[in-house]
C-alpha atoms as a PDB file:
ATOM      1  CA  MET A   1      37.917 -13.899  -4.151  1.00  0.00           C
ATOM      2  CA  ALA A   2      36.720 -13.870  -7.709  1.00  0.00           C
ATOM      3  CA  ASP A   3      40.312 -13.718  -9.052  1.00  0.00           C
ATOM      4  CA  GLY A   4      41.211 -16.585  -7.071  1.00  0.00           C
ATOM      5  CA  VAL A   5      38.324 -18.613  -8.344  1.00  0.00           C
ATOM      6  CA  GLU A   6      38.813 -17.733 -11.817  1.00  0.00           C
ATOM      7  CA  ALA A   7      42.626 -18.653 -11.597  1.00  0.00           C
ATOM      8  CA  PHE A   8      41.694 -21.948 -10.101  1.00  0.00           C
ATOM      9  CA  ALA A   9      39.186 -22.626 -12.812  1.00  0.00           C
ATOM     10  CA  HIS A  10      41.714 -21.795 -15.443  1.00  0.00           C
ATOM     11  CA  HIS A  11      44.384 -24.168 -14.074  1.00  0.00           C
ATOM     12  CA  LEU A  12      41.753 -26.801 -13.731  1.00  0.00           C
ATOM     13  CA  MET A  13      40.685 -26.355 -17.363  1.00  0.00           C
ATOM     14  CA  ARG A  14      44.443 -26.827 -18.261  1.00  0.00           C
ATOM     15  CA  VAL A  15      44.846 -29.963 -16.173  1.00  0.00           C
ATOM     16  CA  VAL A  16      41.635 -31.366 -17.762  1.00  0.00           C
ATOM     17  CA  CYS A  17      42.750 -30.482 -21.311  1.00  0.00           C
ATOM     18  CA  ALA A  18      46.042 -32.217 -20.601  1.00  0.00           C
ATOM     19  CA  GLN A  19      44.394 -35.286 -19.365  1.00  0.00           C
ATOM     20  CA  ILE A  20      42.288 -35.380 -22.440  1.00  0.00           C
ATOM     21  CA  VAL A  21      45.285 -35.169 -24.722  1.00  0.00           C
ATOM     22  CA  TYR A  22      46.970 -38.070 -22.544  1.00  0.00           C
ATOM     23  CA  ALA A  23      43.911 -40.286 -22.611  1.00  0.00           C
ATOM     24  CA  THR A  24      43.320 -39.766 -26.400  1.00  0.00           C
ATOM     25  CA  ALA A  25      47.061 -40.608 -27.030  1.00  0.00           C
ATOM     26  CA  GLU A  26      46.780 -43.718 -24.958  1.00  0.00           C
ATOM     27  CA  ASN A  27      43.627 -44.793 -26.703  1.00  0.00           C
ATOM     28  CA  VAL A  28      45.171 -44.317 -30.075  1.00  0.00           C
ATOM     29  CA  SER A  29      48.265 -46.331 -29.086  1.00  0.00           C
ATOM     30  CA  SER A  30      46.079 -49.086 -27.714  1.00  0.00           C
ATOM     31  CA  LYS A  31      44.045 -49.370 -30.817  1.00  0.00           C
ATOM     32  CA  LYS A  32      47.349 -49.562 -32.834  1.00  0.00           C
ATOM     33  CA  SER A  33      48.541 -52.350 -30.713  1.00  0.00           C
ATOM     34  CA  LEU A  34      45.353 -54.183 -31.178  1.00  0.00           C
ATOM     35  CA  THR A  35      45.400 -53.880 -34.892  1.00  0.00           C
ATOM     36  CA  LYS A  36      48.972 -55.555 -34.869  1.00  0.00           C
ATOM     37  CA  ASN A  37      47.739 -58.562 -32.872  1.00  0.00           C
ATOM     38  CA  ALA A  38      49.792 -57.690 -29.834  1.00  0.00           C
ATOM     39  CA  PRO A  39      49.591 -60.288 -27.033  1.00  0.00           C
ATOM     40  CA  LYS A  40      48.661 -57.618 -24.535  1.00  0.00           C
ATOM     41  CA  LYS A  41      47.995 -53.905 -24.207  1.00  0.00           C
ATOM     42  CA  GLN A  42      51.022 -51.623 -24.036  1.00  0.00           C
ATOM     43  CA  PRO A  43      50.026 -48.534 -22.161  1.00  0.00           C
ATOM     44  CA  VAL A  44      51.819 -45.403 -23.208  1.00  0.00           C
ATOM     45  CA  SER A  45      54.110 -43.863 -20.638  1.00  0.00           C
ATOM     46  CA  ALA A  46      53.863 -40.246 -19.761  1.00  0.00           C
ATOM     47  CA  SER A  47      57.575 -39.735 -20.947  1.00  0.00           C
ATOM     48  CA  THR A  48      56.575 -40.695 -24.652  1.00  0.00           C
ATOM     49  CA  ILE A  49      53.837 -37.922 -24.890  1.00  0.00           C
ATOM     50  CA  SER A  50      54.949 -34.301 -25.076  1.00  0.00           C
ATOM     51  CA  VAL A  51      52.715 -31.281 -25.863  1.00  0.00           C
ATOM     52  CA  THR A  52      53.536 -27.658 -25.706  1.00  0.00           C
ATOM     53  CA  GLU A  53      51.878 -25.244 -23.218  1.00  0.00           C
ATOM     54  CA  SER A  54      50.665 -22.960 -25.938  1.00  0.00           C
ATOM     55  CA  VAL A  55      48.558 -25.837 -27.229  1.00  0.00           C
ATOM     56  CA  ILE A  56      47.178 -26.537 -23.804  1.00  0.00           C
ATOM     57  CA  ASP A  57      46.343 -22.773 -23.213  1.00  0.00           C
ATOM     58  CA  ALA A  58      44.486 -22.614 -26.616  1.00  0.00           C
ATOM     59  CA  PHE A  59      42.498 -25.890 -25.794  1.00  0.00           C
ATOM     60  CA  ALA A  60      41.775 -24.329 -22.302  1.00  0.00           C
ATOM     61  CA  ASP A  61      40.493 -21.005 -23.765  1.00  0.00           C
ATOM     62  CA  VAL A  62      38.359 -22.816 -26.296  1.00  0.00           C
ATOM     63  CA  ALA A  63      36.744 -25.011 -23.597  1.00  0.00           C
ATOM     64  CA  GLU A  64      36.279 -22.029 -21.355  1.00  0.00           C
ATOM     65  CA  ALA A  65      34.562 -20.015 -24.043  1.00  0.00           C
ATOM     66  CA  PHE A  66      32.159 -23.016 -24.858  1.00  0.00           C
ATOM     67  CA  ALA A  67      31.408 -23.472 -21.198  1.00  0.00           C
ATOM     68  CA  GLU A  68      30.627 -19.599 -20.511  1.00  0.00           C
ATOM     69  CA  THR A  69      28.511 -19.323 -23.794  1.00  0.00           C
ATOM     70  CA  LEU A  70      26.512 -22.653 -22.543  1.00  0.00           C
ATOM     71  CA  GLY A  71      26.089 -21.161 -19.064  1.00  0.00           C
ATOM     72  CA  ARG A  72      24.793 -17.805 -20.516  1.00  0.00           C
ATOM     73  CA  ALA A  73      22.258 -19.524 -22.704  1.00  0.00           C
ATOM     74  CA  ALA A  74      21.179 -21.771 -19.949  1.00  0.00           C
ATOM     75  CA  ASN A  75      20.690 -18.568 -17.619  1.00  0.00           C
ATOM     76  CA  ASN A  76      18.635 -16.829 -20.397  1.00  0.00           C
ATOM     77  CA  TYR A  77      16.130 -19.869 -20.437  1.00  0.00           C
ATOM     78  CA  THR A  78      16.064 -19.745 -16.623  1.00  0.00           C
ATOM     79  CA  GLU A  79      15.231 -16.116 -16.538  1.00  0.00           C
ATOM     80  CA  HIS A  80      12.721 -16.428 -19.277  1.00  0.00           C
ATOM     81  CA  ALA A  81      10.896 -18.953 -17.193  1.00  0.00           C
ATOM     82  CA  GLY A  82      10.958 -16.839 -14.191  1.00  0.00           C
ATOM     83  CA  ARG A  83      13.441 -18.697 -12.094  1.00  0.00           C
ATOM     84  CA  THR A  84      16.743 -17.835 -10.456  1.00  0.00           C
ATOM     85  CA  SER A  85      18.658 -21.074 -10.637  1.00  0.00           C
ATOM     86  CA  SER A  86      19.196 -23.331 -13.734  1.00  0.00           C
ATOM     87  CA  SER A  87      18.188 -26.716 -14.010  1.00  0.00           C
ATOM     88  CA  THR A  88      19.056 -29.745 -16.372  1.00  0.00           C
ATOM     89  CA  ASP A  89      16.224 -28.774 -18.629  1.00  0.00           C
ATOM     90  CA  ASP A  90      17.791 -25.322 -19.269  1.00  0.00           C
ATOM     91  CA  VAL A  91      21.058 -26.878 -19.862  1.00  0.00           C
ATOM     92  CA  PHE A  92      19.424 -29.404 -22.414  1.00  0.00           C
ATOM     93  CA  LEU A  93      17.871 -26.398 -24.258  1.00  0.00           C
ATOM     94  CA  ALA A  94      21.124 -24.431 -24.305  1.00  0.00           C
ATOM     95  CA  VAL A  95      23.034 -27.373 -25.748  1.00  0.00           C
ATOM     96  CA  GLU A  96      20.362 -27.884 -28.461  1.00  0.00           C
ATOM     97  CA  ALA A  97      20.426 -24.067 -29.180  1.00  0.00           C
ATOM     98  CA  LEU A  98      24.261 -24.032 -29.563  1.00  0.00           C
ATOM     99  CA  SER A  99      24.361 -27.439 -31.809  1.00  0.00           C
ATOM    100  CA  HIS A 100      22.513 -25.715 -34.637  1.00  0.00           C
ATOM    101  CA  GLY A 101      25.333 -26.298 -37.032  1.00  0.00           C
ATOM    102  CA  THR A 102      26.006 -29.969 -36.044  1.00  0.00           C
ATOM    103  CA  HIS A 103      22.312 -31.042 -35.382  1.00  0.00           C
ATOM    104  CA  SER A 104      23.237 -32.915 -32.389  1.00  0.00           C
ATOM    105  CA  THR A 105      21.026 -33.608 -29.492  1.00  0.00           C
ATOM    106  CA  MET A 106      21.219 -34.976 -25.875  1.00  0.00           C
ATOM    107  CA  LYS A 107      20.890 -38.432 -27.255  1.00  0.00           C
ATOM    108  CA  ASP A 108      23.852 -38.002 -29.249  1.00  0.00           C
ATOM    109  CA  LEU A 109      25.908 -36.691 -26.303  1.00  0.00           C
ATOM    110  CA  VAL A 110      24.665 -39.774 -24.277  1.00  0.00           C
ATOM    111  CA  LYS A 111      25.870 -42.159 -26.907  1.00  0.00           C
ATOM    112  CA  TYR A 112      29.185 -40.449 -27.331  1.00  0.00           C
ATOM    113  CA  ALA A 113      29.872 -40.716 -23.538  1.00  0.00           C
ATOM    114  CA  MET A 114      28.861 -44.338 -23.479  1.00  0.00           C
ATOM    115  CA  PHE A 115      30.734 -45.654 -26.514  1.00  0.00           C
ATOM    116  CA  THR A 116      33.314 -43.072 -27.773  1.00  0.00           C
ATOM    117  CA  GLU A 117      34.563 -40.874 -24.862  1.00  0.00           C
ATOM    118  CA  VAL A 118      37.735 -41.896 -23.217  1.00  0.00           C
ATOM    119  CA  PRO A 119      37.675 -41.675 -19.403  1.00  0.00           C
ATOM    120  CA  PHE A 120      40.394 -39.474 -17.703  1.00  0.00           C
ATOM    121  CA  PRO A 121      43.435 -41.484 -16.696  1.00  0.00           C
ATOM    122  CA  TYR A 122      43.666 -39.565 -13.351  1.00  0.00           C
ATOM    123  CA  GLN A 123      41.185 -38.181 -10.978  1.00  0.00           C
ATOM    124  CA  VAL A 124      40.371 -34.640 -11.704  1.00  0.00           C
ATOM    125  CA  PRO A 125      39.965 -32.156  -8.750  1.00  0.00           C
ATOM    126  CA  GLU A 126      36.512 -30.915  -7.935  1.00  0.00           C
ATOM    127  CA  PHE A 127      35.446 -27.357  -8.650  1.00  0.00           C
ATOM    128  CA  PRO A 128      34.994 -25.353  -6.641  1.00  0.00           C
ATOM    129  CA  ALA A 129      37.771 -26.568  -4.464  1.00  0.00           C
ATOM    130  CA  PRO A 130      36.344 -28.050  -1.224  1.00  0.00           C
ATOM    131  CA  PRO A 131      37.342 -26.361   2.096  1.00  0.00           C
ATOM    132  CA  PRO A 132      40.203 -28.193   3.931  1.00  0.00           C
ATOM    133  CA  PRO A 133      39.088 -30.465   6.600  1.00  0.00           C
ATOM    134  CA  SER A 134      38.985 -29.013   9.937  1.00  0.00           C
ATOM    135  CA  LYS A 135      40.799 -30.477  12.954  1.00  0.00           C
ATOM    136  CA  LYS A 136      37.578 -30.329  15.000  1.00  0.00           C
ATOM    137  CA  PRO A 137      34.404 -31.920  13.484  1.00  0.00           C
ATOM    138  CA  GLU A 138      31.743 -29.283  12.968  1.00  0.00           C
ATOM    139  CA  ASP A 139      28.771 -31.800  13.877  1.00  0.00           C
ATOM    140  CA  LEU A 140      30.127 -32.510  17.411  1.00  0.00           C
ATOM    141  CA  TYR A 141      30.498 -29.935  20.100  1.00  0.00           C
ATOM    142  CA  VAL A 142      33.974 -30.446  21.776  1.00  0.00           C
ATOM    143  CA  ARG A 143      33.769 -29.600  25.517  1.00  0.00           C
ATOM    144  CA  SER A 144      36.338 -26.932  26.496  1.00  0.00           C
ATOM    145  CA  GLU A 145      37.353 -25.508  29.915  1.00  0.00           C
ATOM    146  CA  GLU A 146      35.187 -22.376  29.625  1.00  0.00           C
ATOM    147  CA  HIS A 147      32.000 -24.549  28.994  1.00  0.00           C
ATOM    148  CA  SER A 148      32.549 -26.965  31.826  1.00  0.00           C
ATOM    149  CA  GLU A 149      31.671 -24.489  34.701  1.00  0.00           C
ATOM    150  CA  PRO A 150      28.740 -26.695  35.655  1.00  0.00           C
ATOM    151  CA  PRO A 151      30.093 -29.923  36.989  1.00  0.00           C
ATOM    152  CA  GLN A 152      29.679 -32.712  34.501  1.00  0.00           C
ATOM    153  CA  LYS A 153      27.041 -35.289  35.427  1.00  0.00           C
ATOM    154  CA  PRO A 154      27.674 -38.969  35.233  1.00  0.00           C
ATOM    155  CA  TYR A 155      24.798 -39.517  32.978  1.00  0.00           C
ATOM    156  CA  ILE A 156      25.936 -36.753  30.492  1.00  0.00           C
ATOM    157  CA  GLU A 157      28.160 -38.176  27.650  1.00  0.00           C
ATOM    158  CA  PRO A 158      31.528 -36.255  26.718  1.00  0.00           C
ATOM    159  CA  TRP A 159      30.145 -35.537  23.190  1.00  0.00           C
ATOM    160  CA  MET A 160      26.874 -33.997  24.560  1.00  0.00           C
ATOM    161  CA  PRO A 161      26.659 -30.145  24.741  1.00  0.00           C
ATOM    162  CA  PRO A 162      27.118 -28.646  28.249  1.00  0.00           C
ATOM    163  CA  MET A 163      24.430 -27.529  30.467  1.00  0.00           C
ATOM    164  CA  PRO A 164      23.265 -23.798  30.011  1.00  0.00           C
ATOM    165  CA  SER A 165      24.001 -21.397  32.662  1.00  0.00           C
ATOM    166  CA  PRO A 166      22.139 -21.720  35.916  1.00  0.00           C
ATOM    167  CA  HIS A 167      20.464 -18.350  35.689  1.00  0.00           C
ATOM    168  CA  THR A 168      18.488 -19.539  32.700  1.00  0.00           C
ATOM    169  CA  TYR A 169      16.617 -22.257  34.482  1.00  0.00           C
ATOM    170  CA  ILE A 170      16.820 -21.163  38.137  1.00  0.00           C
ATOM    171  CA  ALA A 171      14.429 -18.589  39.453  1.00  0.00           C
ATOM    172  CA  THR A 172      16.456 -15.623  41.060  1.00  0.00           C
ATOM    173  CA  ALA A 173      15.518 -12.256  42.396  1.00  0.00           C
ATOM    174  CA  VAL A 174      16.785 -10.636  39.238  1.00  0.00           C
ATOM    175  CA  TYR A 175      14.640 -12.549  36.780  1.00  0.00           C
ATOM    176  CA  SER A 176      11.604 -13.181  38.924  1.00  0.00           C
ATOM    177  CA  THR A 177       8.228 -11.320  38.389  1.00  0.00           C
ATOM    178  CA  THR A 178       5.456 -10.305  40.689  1.00  0.00           C
ATOM    179  CA  ASN A 179       1.930 -11.458  40.092  1.00  0.00           C
ATOM    180  CA  ASN A 180       0.129  -9.110  42.541  1.00  0.00           C
ATOM    181  CA  LYS A 181      -2.539  -7.456  40.697  1.00  0.00           C
ATOM    182  CA  LYS A 182      -3.443  -4.792  43.223  1.00  0.00           C
ATOM    183  CA  LYS A 183       0.332  -3.705  43.378  1.00  0.00           C
ATOM    184  CA  ASP A 184       0.473  -3.569  39.644  1.00  0.00           C
ATOM    185  CA  ALA A 185      -2.796  -1.533  39.506  1.00  0.00           C
ATOM    186  CA  VAL A 186      -1.433   0.964  42.054  1.00  0.00           C
ATOM    187  CA  GLU A 187       1.899   1.253  40.206  1.00  0.00           C
ATOM    188  CA  ILE A 188       0.057   1.858  36.749  1.00  0.00           C
ATOM    189  CA  GLY A 189      -2.130   4.451  38.418  1.00  0.00           C
ATOM    190  CA  GLU A 190       0.870   6.276  39.798  1.00  0.00           C
ATOM    191  CA  ARG A 191       2.568   6.292  36.492  1.00  0.00           C
ATOM    192  CA  ARG A 192      -0.620   7.574  34.825  1.00  0.00           C
ATOM    193  CA  ARG A 193      -1.043  10.378  37.406  1.00  0.00           C
ATOM    194  CA  ALA A 194       2.504  11.431  36.817  1.00  0.00           C
ATOM    195  CA  VAL A 195       2.136  11.487  33.083  1.00  0.00           C
ATOM    196  CA  GLU A 196      -1.095  13.586  33.380  1.00  0.00           C
ATOM    197  CA  LYS A 197       0.740  16.036  35.838  1.00  0.00           C
ATOM    198  CA  SER A 198       3.644  16.398  33.411  1.00  0.00           C
ATOM    199  CA  LEU A 199       1.147  16.913  30.509  1.00  0.00           C
ATOM    200  CA  ALA A 200      -0.836  19.556  32.402  1.00  0.00           C
ATOM    201  CA  GLN A 201       2.448  21.443  33.287  1.00  0.00           C
ATOM    202  CA  LEU A 202       3.540  21.372  29.772  1.00  0.00           C
ATOM    203  CA  LYS A 203       0.230  22.723  28.575  1.00  0.00           C
ATOM    204  CA  GLU A 204       0.248  25.467  31.156  1.00  0.00           C
ATOM    205  CA  ALA A 205       3.734  26.456  30.081  1.00  0.00           C
ATOM    206  CA  GLN A 206       2.732  26.492  26.417  1.00  0.00           C
ATOM    207  CA  ARG A 207      -0.431  28.708  27.473  1.00  0.00           C
ATOM    208  CA  LYS A 208       1.685  31.172  29.083  1.00  0.00           C
ATOM    209  CA  ASP A 209       4.092  31.502  26.125  1.00  0.00           C
ATOM    210  CA  ASP A 210       1.213  31.791  23.763  1.00  0.00           C
ATOM    211  CA  ASP A 211      -0.432  34.591  26.094  1.00  0.00           C
ATOM    212  CA  SER A 212       2.754  36.504  26.364  1.00  0.00           C
ATOM    213  CA  SER A 213       3.564  36.176  22.670  1.00  0.00           C
ATOM    214  CA  LEU A 214       0.020  37.244  21.607  1.00  0.00           C
ATOM    215  CA  LEU A 215      -0.098  40.293  23.829  1.00  0.00           C
ATOM    216  CA  ALA A 216       3.350  41.359  22.576  1.00  0.00           C
ATOM    217  CA  ALA A 217       2.444  40.891  18.928  1.00  0.00           C
ATOM    218  CA  VAL A 218      -0.906  42.808  19.403  1.00  0.00           C
ATOM    219  CA  ALA A 219       0.798  45.531  21.232  1.00  0.00           C
ATOM    220  CA  ALA A 220       3.622  45.815  18.616  1.00  0.00           C
ATOM    221  CA  ALA A 221       1.320  45.535  15.664  1.00  0.00           C
ATOM    222  CA  VAL A 222      -1.506  47.886  16.431  1.00  0.00           C
ATOM    223  CA  PRO A 223      -0.482  50.299  19.363  1.00  0.00           C
ATOM    224  CA  ASP A 224      -2.911  52.989  18.232  1.00  0.00           C
ATOM    225  CA  ASN A 225      -6.083  50.986  17.896  1.00  0.00           C
ATOM    226  CA  PRO A 226      -7.921  51.238  21.225  1.00  0.00           C
ATOM    227  CA  PHE A 227     -10.079  48.236  20.479  1.00  0.00           C
ATOM    228  CA  LEU A 228      -6.915  45.806  19.860  1.00  0.00           C
ATOM    229  CA  ALA A 229      -4.882  47.347  22.586  1.00  0.00           C
ATOM    230  CA  PRO A 230      -4.091  45.484  25.901  1.00  0.00           C
ATOM    231  CA  PRO A 231      -6.791  46.076  28.588  1.00  0.00           C
ATOM    232  CA  VAL A 232      -6.532  48.896  31.054  1.00  0.00           C
ATOM    233  CA  ILE A 233      -7.300  48.668  34.713  1.00  0.00           C
ATOM    234  CA  GLY A 234      -7.695  51.877  36.496  1.00  0.00           C
ATOM    235  CA  ASN A 235      -4.871  54.308  35.446  1.00  0.00           C
ATOM    236  CA  SER A 236      -2.218  51.612  34.507  1.00  0.00           C
ATOM    237  CA  ARG A 237      -2.048  49.340  31.579  1.00  0.00           C
ATOM    238  CA  VAL A 238      -1.741  45.514  31.997  1.00  0.00           C
ATOM    239  CA  TYR A 239       1.128  45.137  29.598  1.00  0.00           C
ATOM    240  CA  ASP A 240       4.038  47.430  29.161  1.00  0.00           C
ATOM    241  CA  GLU A 241       6.658  47.007  26.474  1.00  0.00           C
ATOM    242  CA  ASN A 242       9.549  48.020  28.729  1.00  0.00           C
ATOM    243  CA  LEU A 243       8.756  44.959  31.162  1.00  0.00           C
ATOM    244  CA  VAL A 244       9.900  41.575  30.339  1.00  0.00           C
ATOM    245  CA  ASP A 245       7.917  39.530  32.894  1.00  0.00           C
ATOM    246  CA  GLY A 246       4.763  37.551  31.853  1.00  0.00           C
ATOM    247  CA  PRO A 247       1.319  39.086  31.638  1.00  0.00           C
ATOM    248  CA  ARG A 248       0.260  37.656  35.194  1.00  0.00           C
ATOM    249  CA  ASP A 249       2.955  39.709  36.933  1.00  0.00           C
ATOM    250  CA  LEU A 250       1.864  42.813  34.993  1.00  0.00           C
ATOM    251  CA  ILE A 251      -1.725  42.273  35.876  1.00  0.00           C
ATOM    252  CA  GLU A 252      -0.780  41.720  39.597  1.00  0.00           C
ATOM    253  CA  ASP A 253       1.239  44.916  39.600  1.00  0.00           C
ATOM    254  CA  ALA A 254      -1.694  46.850  37.811  1.00  0.00           C
ATOM    255  CA  TYR A 255      -4.137  45.582  40.491  1.00  0.00           C
ATOM    256  CA  ALA A 256      -1.769  46.540  43.249  1.00  0.00           C
ATOM    257  CA  ASN A 257      -1.268  50.141  41.801  1.00  0.00           C
ATOM    258  CA  ASN A 258      -4.978  50.545  41.401  1.00  0.00           C
ATOM    259  CA  ALA A 259      -5.792  49.284  44.838  1.00  0.00           C
ATOM    260  CA  ASN A 260      -3.286  51.876  46.349  1.00  0.00           C
ATOM    261  CA  ALA A 261      -4.959  54.540  44.130  1.00  0.00           C
ATOM    262  CA  ILE A 262      -8.406  53.550  45.236  1.00  0.00           C
ATOM    263  CA  THR A 263      -7.400  53.530  48.902  1.00  0.00           C
ATOM    264  CA  ASP A 264      -5.892  57.044  48.577  1.00  0.00           C
ATOM    265  CA  SER A 265      -8.967  58.480  46.882  1.00  0.00           C
ATOM    266  CA  ASN A 266     -11.237  56.780  49.399  1.00  0.00           C
ATOM    267  CA  MET A 267      -9.261  58.444  52.425  1.00  0.00           C
ATOM    268  CA  LYS A 268      -9.643  61.863  50.722  1.00  0.00           C
ATOM    269  CA  ASP A 269     -13.429  61.386  50.155  1.00  0.00           C
ATOM    270  CA  VAL A 270     -14.000  60.210  53.735  1.00  0.00           C
ATOM    271  CA  SER A 271     -12.161  63.304  55.230  1.00  0.00           C
ATOM    272  CA  GLU A 272     -14.148  65.568  52.942  1.00  0.00           C
ATOM    273  CA  ILE A 273     -17.441  63.793  53.993  1.00  0.00           C
ATOM    274  CA  VAL A 274     -16.526  64.229  57.786  1.00  0.00           C
ATOM    275  CA  SER A 275     -15.756  67.859  57.423  1.00  0.00           C
ATOM    276  CA  LYS A 276     -18.765  68.439  55.602  1.00  0.00           C
ATOM    277  CA  THR A 277     -20.799  66.594  58.273  1.00  0.00           C
ATOM    278  CA  ASN A 278     -19.319  68.509  60.949  1.00  0.00           C
ATOM    279  CA  ALA A 279     -20.180  71.813  59.161  1.00  0.00           C
ATOM    280  CA  SER A 280     -23.663  70.797  58.484  1.00  0.00           C
ATOM    281  CA  ASP A 281     -24.022  69.649  62.243  1.00  0.00           C
ATOM    282  CA  GLN A 282     -22.820  73.139  63.423  1.00  0.00           C
ATOM    283  CA  LYS A 283     -25.424  74.799  61.017  1.00  0.00           C
ATOM    284  CA  LYS A 284     -28.114  72.593  62.360  1.00  0.00           C
ATOM    285  CA  GLN A 285     -27.128  73.255  66.036  1.00  0.00           C
ATOM    286  CA  ARG A 286     -27.443  77.055  65.232  1.00  0.00           C
ATOM    287  CA  VAL A 287     -30.814  76.719  63.527  1.00  0.00           C
ATOM    288  CA  GLU A 288     -32.115  74.760  66.450  1.00  0.00           C
ATOM    289  CA  ARG A 289     -30.911  77.378  68.983  1.00  0.00           C
ATOM    290  CA  ILE A 290     -32.541  80.178  66.868  1.00  0.00           C
ATOM    291  CA  LEU A 291     -35.763  78.288  66.625  1.00  0.00           C
ATOM    292  CA  ALA A 292     -35.726  77.482  70.246  1.00  0.00           C
ATOM    293  CA  GLU A 293     -35.189  81.365  71.207  1.00  0.00           C
ATOM    294  CA  ALA A 294     -37.866  82.320  68.762  1.00  0.00           C
ATOM    295  CA  GLY A 295     -40.368  79.785  70.380  1.00  0.00           C
ATOM    296  CA  ASN A 296     -39.606  81.057  73.861  1.00  0.00           C
ATOM    297  CA  GLU A 297     -40.267  84.593  72.896  1.00  0.00           C
ATOM    298  CA  LEU A 298     -43.781  83.671  71.316  1.00  0.00           C
ATOM    299  CA  GLU A 299     -44.817  81.781  74.348  1.00  0.00           C
ATOM    300  CA  ASP A 300     -44.096  84.833  76.692  1.00  0.00           C
ATOM    301  CA  PRO A 301     -47.537  86.370  77.632  1.00  0.00           C
ATOM    302  CA  GLU A 302     -46.196  89.813  77.867  1.00  0.00           C
ATOM    303  CA  LEU A 303     -45.252  89.741  74.282  1.00  0.00           C
ATOM    304  CA  ILE A 304     -48.552  88.509  73.027  1.00  0.00           C
ATOM    305  CA  GLU A 305     -50.826  91.340  71.669  1.00  0.00           C
ATOM    306  CA  PRO A 306     -54.504  91.364  72.739  1.00  0.00           C
ATOM    307  CA  ASN A 307     -57.188  91.017  70.339  1.00  0.00           C
ATOM    308  CA  PRO A 308     -58.953  94.137  69.380  1.00  0.00           C
END
């Protein structure tokens, strides 16, 4: 894009330089005819003026260099003032800065344009080149078949834009909203409870992971320290390194084993107590029988000795 613009600007500068040469030659010839008291002005035809392309190119290069230098100077004044776009004041300052050798000012340029400058004989194309005119005007909306879905009303002019789609201004089930505050409150409460339940489950899962990792780390780090070792219930440990289940499963197994052990020991103790009770009862019966026999013998009058 930049190359095309630069090429167009260069060709435009060549055309301008050629017109300047033609206008100057025509002006000179007209002045000569006036000095000879000619009855009327004899315009110079294009066939009588010839110039080489090298001269036009050199003239165009000089004009481009001057325009570029003038633009840079104006841009410097713009940036110095803290602005982004140049104004006429910046251009005036740049012209005065570049005319230090000739001491010319804007007044001198205005006087030159009014009295000395020769206008172009032909119209100069604009720069940058204007875009080609479009077949369809941009400020009017041309109605097409795809935009004529809603039937055109008799009061709508052809140049007016079409009506929007019906769903944009007609209430439908898809775009309608409810205004029931109770229903909205119930729905919000259900969502809140669902979120709280999910959060509680997440925290419980994290706690289980933390407990299992902590017990494993403690058992692996200090297995010989009885104060830091996992707890012991009965004769079985709560945590076993060979098991991969969580600590709750280990605790339940330990409780079950301990309960079985306690049940077996209780049964043994009960049997021993029963046997001891039976033995003591037999001894008691024997003693009672002996005492009973002894009492009967003492109560017999024949066996009582008389007092002396």
